Structure formats: structure tokens, C-alpha cells
Amino acid sequence: MPASRTNDPVRTMTGILEVATQEFASKGLSGGRIDAIAEATRTSKRMIYYYFGSKEGLYLAVLEESYRKMRQIESELQLDNLAPEQALRFAQRLDVIPGAFELLGALQIPFCVATNGPREKVELTLGLTGLRRFFPEHIFSAYEVGIFKPDPGLFLHAAQVLGMAPEHCAVVEDSLPGIQAGLNAGMRVFSLLPAADLPLDMAERVVCIHDLTDLAAMVGT
């Protein structure tokens, strides 16, 4: 049986990703065990490292696949046609990051939203949370630009439109693909994910923050 899996790398990688998704979803990056994934897929640690390079590489692959599926689902949604009751249910699941209103209201430098989601979703989210007024025009959707995180192209496009050099830009992110995109773009990255949830080499290159309350003093307003 293992031999047939070896001869079918696509099937093998798909199986590893499915099991790894469950493992990391329940235990996180630090708690997830490659041994358990190898045993459940009847492969080996050596094979997993052959396909994904490392535990962190597998974790990133899991996240990228999850975001790919999310983009597919989002592309099929008609969020702009939500009934009021549906919009309210959607809004109840949204939380504004502490300090967001204060930071955005005080900023005197160009800023924007650059998202992997479709424009209609981010505009709905911003509207329901009361943040839409801070972004009258500068909303960049990967669906329109044609480049998705972790590729840095979305952030580089936004910086170009805003007339800013990448090295003078700061990115606030809550996802590994977004953090990787910011780093790849040569921008300063503030992570809303704790350092324990990041690969070590990534954690060493970002500034981890709890929320946006103290960010204004760090980036300047």
C-alpha cells in the first residue's frame, strides 16, 4: 500500500494535507505532531519532509490550501444581496480589533485595505463594523489585482498606488499568508498572531502585537 501512494504523489500530498489540516486545527503549529500525521497517512516523516520541506512548510501548505478553498467559496457568495436578517447574523460574528477606530482616526499617512477576499465581502464587513468611512477609496482586492497572498504582488500594487516605497510601508496581518506576503514585499510587518503560532524564522522578522491600541506610537500618525 505505501508503494502505491509513493507512485501517486498528488494523492499522497492530498492525503497528507487533509490529515495535517485536522492535526494543526486541533493542536496548532507547536502541538501538531508530524509522527501522528505520518501514521494516519501511512507514510513517513521522511516522505512528508520530502514533499513539504519541514513542519513549518507543511503548516504553510495547509494554510495556503485552506485559503484557496475559502477563496473558492467566497467567489460563489453573493454577499451584496444578503437579506437584512442575514446581514445581522453576519455582523454578529464580526469583532473590531481594539484600537482600530482610534488608530485610523489619528493616521495622517496614507493607508489602505489589501485583502485576499472579494471586494463585496470586505466592503460589507467594513460597513457593518463602522470602519467603512475610513476607506473611501483605497480598498485592494486580490480578485481584482489578480495576485493573492502570500505573493507580495498585492501589497506592492497597493504601495505603488499610494505612492509609497515598500520599505516605508507597514503591514498589519492576522494570517500566515499575509505575514509572508508583507515580508516578501520588504515591508515592516506587525503580526496579530502570537509568536508561538508562527514559524521561528518568521517570528524573528515581525513585531507581534496584541491589538492596535499601541500601534500608533510605533508607526507614527
C-alpha atoms as a PDB file:
ATOM      1  CA  MET A   1       0.000   0.000   0.000  1.00  0.00           C
ATOM      2  CA  PRO A   2       2.717   2.589   0.834  1.00  0.00           C
ATOM      3  CA  ALA A   3       4.368   1.828  -2.515  1.00  0.00           C
ATOM      4  CA  SER A   4       1.213   2.730  -4.443  1.00  0.00           C
ATOM      5  CA  ARG A   5       1.000   6.012  -2.547  1.00  0.00           C
ATOM      6  CA  THR A   6       4.623   6.764  -3.406  1.00  0.00           C
ATOM      7  CA  ASN A   7       3.824   6.226  -7.084  1.00  0.00           C
ATOM      8  CA  ASP A   8       0.930   8.682  -6.837  1.00  0.00           C
ATOM      9  CA  PRO A   9       2.478  11.841  -5.382  1.00  0.00           C
ATOM     10  CA  VAL A  10      -0.612  14.001  -5.926  1.00  0.00           C
ATOM     11  CA  ARG A  11      -2.778  11.581  -3.995  1.00  0.00           C
ATOM     12  CA  THR A  12      -0.132  11.256  -1.299  1.00  0.00           C
ATOM     13  CA  MET A  13       0.245  15.015  -0.845  1.00  0.00           C
ATOM     14  CA  THR A  14      -3.528  15.489  -0.810  1.00  0.00           C
ATOM     15  CA  GLY A  15      -3.882  12.869   1.898  1.00  0.00           C
ATOM     16  CA  ILE A  16      -1.108  14.420   3.965  1.00  0.00           C
ATOM     17  CA  LEU A  17      -2.687  17.872   3.662  1.00  0.00           C
ATOM     18  CA  GLU A  18      -6.103  16.580   4.739  1.00  0.00           C
ATOM     19  CA  VAL A  19      -4.749  14.876   7.841  1.00  0.00           C
ATOM     20  CA  ALA A  20      -2.369  17.749   8.640  1.00  0.00           C
ATOM     21  CA  THR A  21      -5.276  20.194   8.437  1.00  0.00           C
ATOM     22  CA  GLN A  22      -7.091  18.311  11.187  1.00  0.00           C
ATOM     23  CA  GLU A  23      -3.916  17.931  13.262  1.00  0.00           C
ATOM     24  CA  PHE A  24      -2.955  21.609  13.111  1.00  0.00           C
ATOM     25  CA  ALA A  25      -6.543  22.825  13.516  1.00  0.00           C
ATOM     26  CA  SER A  26      -6.899  20.952  16.794  1.00  0.00           C
ATOM     27  CA  LYS A  27      -3.363  21.348  18.180  1.00  0.00           C
ATOM     28  CA  GLY A  28      -1.786  24.317  16.421  1.00  0.00           C
ATOM     29  CA  LEU A  29       1.682  24.549  14.924  1.00  0.00           C
ATOM     30  CA  SER A  30       3.560  23.861  18.137  1.00  0.00           C
ATOM     31  CA  GLY A  31       1.295  20.994  19.272  1.00  0.00           C
ATOM     32  CA  GLY A  32       0.819  19.267  15.919  1.00  0.00           C
ATOM     33  CA  ARG A  33       2.947  16.149  15.504  1.00  0.00           C
ATOM     34  CA  ILE A  34       4.496  15.017  12.248  1.00  0.00           C
ATOM     35  CA  ASP A  35       4.650  11.466  13.651  1.00  0.00           C
ATOM     36  CA  ALA A  36       0.877  11.436  14.064  1.00  0.00           C
ATOM     37  CA  ILE A  37       0.344  12.752  10.540  1.00  0.00           C
ATOM     38  CA  ALA A  38       2.707  10.151   9.094  1.00  0.00           C
ATOM     39  CA  GLU A  39       0.996   7.344  10.991  1.00  0.00           C
ATOM     40  CA  ALA A  40      -2.504   8.426   9.958  1.00  0.00           C
ATOM     41  CA  THR A  41      -1.494   8.695   6.287  1.00  0.00           C
ATOM     42  CA  ARG A  42       0.629   5.530   6.352  1.00  0.00           C
ATOM     43  CA  THR A  43       3.592   7.493   5.055  1.00  0.00           C
ATOM     44  CA  SER A  44       6.729   8.543   6.929  1.00  0.00           C
ATOM     45  CA  LYS A  45       8.330  11.681   8.329  1.00  0.00           C
ATOM     46  CA  ARG A  46      10.955  11.399   5.614  1.00  0.00           C
ATOM     47  CA  MET A  47       8.292  11.421   2.901  1.00  0.00           C
ATOM     48  CA  ILE A  48       6.478  14.371   4.469  1.00  0.00           C
ATOM     49  CA  TYR A  49       9.705  16.358   4.645  1.00  0.00           C
ATOM     50  CA  TYR A  50      10.467  15.348   1.041  1.00  0.00           C
ATOM     51  CA  TYR A  51       7.205  16.905  -0.157  1.00  0.00           C
ATOM     52  CA  PHE A  52       6.946  19.890   2.207  1.00  0.00           C
ATOM     53  CA  GLY A  53      10.493  20.544   3.418  1.00  0.00           C
ATOM     54  CA  SER A  54       9.740  20.921   7.121  1.00  0.00           C
ATOM     55  CA  LYS A  55       6.962  21.020   9.687  1.00  0.00           C
ATOM     56  CA  GLU A  56       6.608  24.756   9.102  1.00  0.00           C
ATOM     57  CA  GLY A  57       6.485  24.139   5.346  1.00  0.00           C
ATOM     58  CA  LEU A  58       3.636  21.672   5.823  1.00  0.00           C
ATOM     59  CA  TYR A  59       1.831  24.149   8.071  1.00  0.00           C
ATOM     60  CA  LEU A  60       2.107  26.871   5.425  1.00  0.00           C
ATOM     61  CA  ALA A  61       0.900  24.446   2.747  1.00  0.00           C
ATOM     62  CA  VAL A  62      -2.118  23.598   4.901  1.00  0.00           C
ATOM     63  CA  LEU A  63      -2.925  27.278   5.324  1.00  0.00           C
ATOM     64  CA  GLU A  64      -2.497  28.046   1.637  1.00  0.00           C
ATOM     65  CA  GLU A  65      -4.822  25.179   0.706  1.00  0.00           C
ATOM     66  CA  SER A  66      -7.360  26.315   3.298  1.00  0.00           C
ATOM     67  CA  TYR A  67      -7.280  29.858   1.942  1.00  0.00           C
ATOM     68  CA  ARG A  68      -7.624  28.535  -1.599  1.00  0.00           C
ATOM     69  CA  LYS A  69     -10.797  26.711  -0.596  1.00  0.00           C
ATOM     70  CA  MET A  70     -12.059  29.808   1.198  1.00  0.00           C
ATOM     71  CA  ARG A  71     -11.486  31.917  -1.917  1.00  0.00           C
ATOM     72  CA  GLN A  72     -13.430  29.400  -3.956  1.00  0.00           C
ATOM     73  CA  ILE A  73     -16.324  29.545  -1.516  1.00  0.00           C
ATOM     74  CA  GLU A  74     -16.184  33.337  -1.316  1.00  0.00           C
ATOM     75  CA  SER A  75     -16.254  33.641  -5.093  1.00  0.00           C
ATOM     76  CA  GLU A  76     -19.568  31.803  -5.115  1.00  0.00           C
ATOM     77  CA  LEU A  77     -21.152  34.035  -2.468  1.00  0.00           C
ATOM     78  CA  GLN A  78     -23.390  36.973  -3.325  1.00  0.00           C
ATOM     79  CA  LEU A  79     -22.746  38.988  -0.186  1.00  0.00           C
ATOM     80  CA  ASP A  80     -24.107  42.193  -1.663  1.00  0.00           C
ATOM     81  CA  ASN A  81     -27.517  40.505  -1.939  1.00  0.00           C
ATOM     82  CA  LEU A  82     -27.755  39.492   1.713  1.00  0.00           C
ATOM     83  CA  ALA A  83     -31.166  39.964   3.293  1.00  0.00           C
ATOM     84  CA  PRO A  84     -31.188  42.236   6.385  1.00  0.00           C
ATOM     85  CA  GLU A  85     -31.577  39.268   8.717  1.00  0.00           C
ATOM     86  CA  GLN A  86     -28.626  37.507   7.111  1.00  0.00           C
ATOM     87  CA  ALA A  87     -26.534  40.663   7.311  1.00  0.00           C
ATOM     88  CA  LEU A  88     -27.284  40.946  11.021  1.00  0.00           C
ATOM     89  CA  ARG A  89     -26.232  37.343  11.613  1.00  0.00           C
ATOM     90  CA  PHE A  90     -23.055  38.034   9.651  1.00  0.00           C
ATOM     91  CA  ALA A  91     -22.391  41.168  11.696  1.00  0.00           C
ATOM     92  CA  GLN A  92     -22.779  39.315  14.987  1.00  0.00           C
ATOM     93  CA  ARG A  93     -19.734  37.223  14.081  1.00  0.00           C
ATOM     94  CA  LEU A  94     -17.561  40.310  13.470  1.00  0.00           C
ATOM     95  CA  ASP A  95     -15.288  41.848  16.073  1.00  0.00           C
ATOM     96  CA  VAL A  96     -13.426  45.136  15.669  1.00  0.00           C
ATOM     97  CA  ILE A  97      -9.810  44.902  16.798  1.00  0.00           C
ATOM     98  CA  PRO A  98      -9.359  47.108  19.885  1.00  0.00           C
ATOM     99  CA  GLY A  99      -7.755  50.405  18.953  1.00  0.00           C
ATOM    100  CA  ALA A 100      -8.883  50.317  15.308  1.00  0.00           C
ATOM    101  CA  PHE A 101     -11.104  53.429  15.457  1.00  0.00           C
ATOM    102  CA  GLU A 102      -8.522  55.423  17.397  1.00  0.00           C
ATOM    103  CA  LEU A 103      -5.654  54.466  15.088  1.00  0.00           C
ATOM    104  CA  LEU A 104      -7.488  55.047  11.814  1.00  0.00           C
ATOM    105  CA  GLY A 105      -8.922  58.327  13.069  1.00  0.00           C
ATOM    106  CA  ALA A 106      -5.473  59.634  14.003  1.00  0.00           C
ATOM    107  CA  LEU A 107      -3.440  58.490  10.987  1.00  0.00           C
ATOM    108  CA  GLN A 108      -2.034  61.306   8.849  1.00  0.00           C
ATOM    109  CA  ILE A 109      -0.235  58.965   6.441  1.00  0.00           C
ATOM    110  CA  PRO A 110      -1.693  57.000   3.508  1.00  0.00           C
ATOM    111  CA  PHE A 111      -3.304  53.682   4.434  1.00  0.00           C
ATOM    112  CA  CYS A 112      -5.488  51.079   2.803  1.00  0.00           C
ATOM    113  CA  VAL A 113      -7.011  47.609   2.969  1.00  0.00           C
ATOM    114  CA  ALA A 114      -5.352  44.889   0.883  1.00  0.00           C
ATOM    115  CA  THR A 115      -7.267  41.632   1.157  1.00  0.00           C
ATOM    116  CA  ASN A 116      -7.438  38.179  -0.375  1.00  0.00           C
ATOM    117  CA  GLY A 117     -11.230  38.398  -0.139  1.00  0.00           C
ATOM    118  CA  PRO A 118     -13.646  39.745  -2.750  1.00  0.00           C
ATOM    119  CA  ARG A 119     -14.416  43.466  -2.641  1.00  0.00           C
ATOM    120  CA  GLU A 120     -18.082  42.967  -1.779  1.00  0.00           C
ATOM    121  CA  LYS A 121     -17.174  40.976   1.324  1.00  0.00           C
ATOM    122  CA  VAL A 122     -14.646  43.470   2.690  1.00  0.00           C
ATOM    123  CA  GLU A 123     -16.958  46.407   1.963  1.00  0.00           C
ATOM    124  CA  LEU A 124     -19.790  44.625   3.769  1.00  0.00           C
ATOM    125  CA  THR A 125     -17.500  43.819   6.707  1.00  0.00           C
ATOM    126  CA  LEU A 126     -16.214  47.386   6.946  1.00  0.00           C
ATOM    127  CA  GLY A 127     -19.727  48.756   6.684  1.00  0.00           C
ATOM    128  CA  LEU A 128     -21.160  46.518   9.401  1.00  0.00           C
ATOM    129  CA  THR A 129     -18.310  47.340  11.777  1.00  0.00           C
ATOM    130  CA  GLY A 130     -18.446  51.088  11.153  1.00  0.00           C
ATOM    131  CA  LEU A 131     -14.967  51.226   9.614  1.00  0.00           C
ATOM    132  CA  ARG A 132     -16.021  51.879   6.011  1.00  0.00           C
ATOM    133  CA  ARG A 133     -15.765  55.670   6.417  1.00  0.00           C
ATOM    134  CA  PHE A 134     -12.007  55.361   6.877  1.00  0.00           C
ATOM    135  CA  PHE A 135     -11.605  53.732   3.460  1.00  0.00           C
ATOM    136  CA  PRO A 136     -13.455  55.871   0.912  1.00  0.00           C
ATOM    137  CA  GLU A 137     -11.365  54.584  -1.981  1.00  0.00           C
ATOM    138  CA  HIS A 138      -8.253  52.585  -1.141  1.00  0.00           C
ATOM    139  CA  ILE A 139      -9.519  49.009  -0.951  1.00  0.00           C
ATOM    140  CA  PHE A 140      -7.473  46.477  -2.919  1.00  0.00           C
ATOM    141  CA  SER A 141      -8.894  43.007  -3.550  1.00  0.00           C
ATOM    142  CA  ALA A 142      -6.737  40.150  -4.780  1.00  0.00           C
ATOM    143  CA  TYR A 143      -9.628  39.160  -7.033  1.00  0.00           C
ATOM    144  CA  GLU A 144      -9.272  42.456  -8.914  1.00  0.00           C
ATOM    145  CA  VAL A 145      -5.473  42.708  -8.835  1.00  0.00           C
ATOM    146  CA  GLY A 146      -5.118  39.040  -9.789  1.00  0.00           C
ATOM    147  CA  ILE A 147      -2.463  38.284  -7.174  1.00  0.00           C
ATOM    148  CA  PHE A 148      -3.119  36.509  -3.890  1.00  0.00           C
ATOM    149  CA  LYS A 149      -1.108  36.444  -0.676  1.00  0.00           C
ATOM    150  CA  PRO A 150       1.461  35.058   0.147  1.00  0.00           C
ATOM    151  CA  ASP A 151       2.633  36.508  -3.164  1.00  0.00           C
ATOM    152  CA  PRO A 152       3.809  40.063  -2.340  1.00  0.00           C
ATOM    153  CA  GLY A 153       2.249  41.480  -5.505  1.00  0.00           C
ATOM    154  CA  LEU A 154      -0.969  42.641  -3.832  1.00  0.00           C
ATOM    155  CA  PHE A 155       0.910  44.705  -1.243  1.00  0.00           C
ATOM    156  CA  LEU A 156       3.345  46.030  -3.841  1.00  0.00           C
ATOM    157  CA  HIS A 157       0.432  47.120  -6.036  1.00  0.00           C
ATOM    158  CA  ALA A 158      -1.194  48.924  -3.111  1.00  0.00           C
ATOM    159  CA  ALA A 159       2.077  50.666  -2.222  1.00  0.00           C
ATOM    160  CA  GLN A 160       2.532  51.815  -5.815  1.00  0.00           C
ATOM    161  CA  VAL A 161      -0.979  53.265  -5.965  1.00  0.00           C
ATOM    162  CA  LEU A 162      -0.418  55.069  -2.662  1.00  0.00           C
ATOM    163  CA  GLY A 163       2.911  56.390  -3.931  1.00  0.00           C
ATOM    164  CA  MET A 164       4.919  54.736  -1.168  1.00  0.00           C
ATOM    165  CA  ALA A 165       8.160  52.760  -1.375  1.00  0.00           C
ATOM    166  CA  PRO A 166       7.711  49.237   0.055  1.00  0.00           C
ATOM    167  CA  GLU A 167      10.448  49.763   2.649  1.00  0.00           C
ATOM    168  CA  HIS A 168       8.452  52.704   4.016  1.00  0.00           C
ATOM    169  CA  CYS A 169       5.266  50.652   4.389  1.00  0.00           C
ATOM    170  CA  ALA A 170       3.911  48.786   7.403  1.00  0.00           C
ATOM    171  CA  VAL A 171       1.548  45.823   7.227  1.00  0.00           C
ATOM    172  CA  VAL A 172      -0.809  44.635   9.961  1.00  0.00           C
ATOM    173  CA  GLU A 173      -1.750  40.998   9.424  1.00  0.00           C
ATOM    174  CA  ASP A 174      -3.568  38.166  11.184  1.00  0.00           C
ATOM    175  CA  SER A 175      -2.746  35.308   8.796  1.00  0.00           C
ATOM    176  CA  LEU A 176       0.420  33.479   7.834  1.00  0.00           C
ATOM    177  CA  PRO A 177      -0.051  34.055   4.076  1.00  0.00           C
ATOM    178  CA  GLY A 178      -0.490  37.774   4.756  1.00  0.00           C
ATOM    179  CA  ILE A 179       2.544  37.946   7.030  1.00  0.00           C
ATOM    180  CA  GLN A 180       4.630  36.109   4.447  1.00  0.00           C
ATOM    181  CA  ALA A 181       3.409  38.477   1.724  1.00  0.00           C
ATOM    182  CA  GLY A 182       4.422  41.504   3.777  1.00  0.00           C
ATOM    183  CA  LEU A 183       7.869  40.098   4.449  1.00  0.00           C
ATOM    184  CA  ASN A 184       8.309  39.147   0.800  1.00  0.00           C
ATOM    185  CA  ALA A 185       7.368  42.715  -0.158  1.00  0.00           C
ATOM    186  CA  GLY A 186      10.131  44.110   2.067  1.00  0.00           C
ATOM    187  CA  MET A 187       7.663  45.841   4.383  1.00  0.00           C
ATOM    188  CA  ARG A 188       7.619  46.105   8.165  1.00  0.00           C
ATOM    189  CA  VAL A 189       5.122  43.557   9.436  1.00  0.00           C
ATOM    190  CA  PHE A 190       3.046  43.685  12.601  1.00  0.00           C
ATOM    191  CA  SER A 191       1.508  40.327  13.436  1.00  0.00           C
ATOM    192  CA  LEU A 192      -1.740  39.909  15.342  1.00  0.00           C
ATOM    193  CA  LEU A 193      -0.833  36.239  15.656  1.00  0.00           C
ATOM    194  CA  PRO A 194       1.282  35.404  18.724  1.00  0.00           C
ATOM    195  CA  ALA A 195       4.881  34.425  18.144  1.00  0.00           C
ATOM    196  CA  ALA A 196       4.124  30.890  19.329  1.00  0.00           C
ATOM    197  CA  ASP A 197       1.845  30.386  16.318  1.00  0.00           C
ATOM    198  CA  LEU A 198       4.486  31.484  13.814  1.00  0.00           C
ATOM    199  CA  PRO A 199       7.383  29.540  12.304  1.00  0.00           C
ATOM    200  CA  LEU A 200      10.554  30.526  14.149  1.00  0.00           C
ATOM    201  CA  ASP A 201      12.222  32.234  11.188  1.00  0.00           C
ATOM    202  CA  MET A 202       9.053  34.255  10.590  1.00  0.00           C
ATOM    203  CA  ALA A 203       8.584  35.208  14.252  1.00  0.00           C
ATOM    204  CA  GLU A 204      12.085  36.678  14.316  1.00  0.00           C
ATOM    205  CA  ARG A 205      11.262  39.044  11.439  1.00  0.00           C
ATOM    206  CA  VAL A 206       7.953  40.520  12.625  1.00  0.00           C
ATOM    207  CA  VAL A 207       6.640  42.576  15.530  1.00  0.00           C
ATOM    208  CA  CYS A 208       3.873  40.741  17.374  1.00  0.00           C
ATOM    209  CA  ILE A 209       1.118  42.930  18.826  1.00  0.00           C
ATOM    210  CA  HIS A 210      -1.944  42.106  20.882  1.00  0.00           C
ATOM    211  CA  ASP A 211      -4.178  44.721  19.240  1.00  0.00           C
ATOM    212  CA  LEU A 212      -3.981  48.152  17.599  1.00  0.00           C
ATOM    213  CA  THR A 213      -4.040  50.215  20.785  1.00  0.00           C
ATOM    214  CA  ASP A 214      -0.299  50.863  20.916  1.00  0.00           C
ATOM    215  CA  LEU A 215       0.415  50.677  17.200  1.00  0.00           C
ATOM    216  CA  ALA A 216       0.003  54.399  16.547  1.00  0.00           C
ATOM    217  CA  ALA A 217       3.090  55.206  18.591  1.00  0.00           C
ATOM    218  CA  MET A 218       5.093  52.557  16.720  1.00  0.00           C
ATOM    219  CA  VAL A 219       4.283  53.581  13.120  1.00  0.00           C
ATOM    220  CA  GLY A 220       3.628  57.269  13.588  1.00  0.00           C
ATOM    221  CA  THR A 221       0.403  59.113  12.857  1.00  0.00           C
END
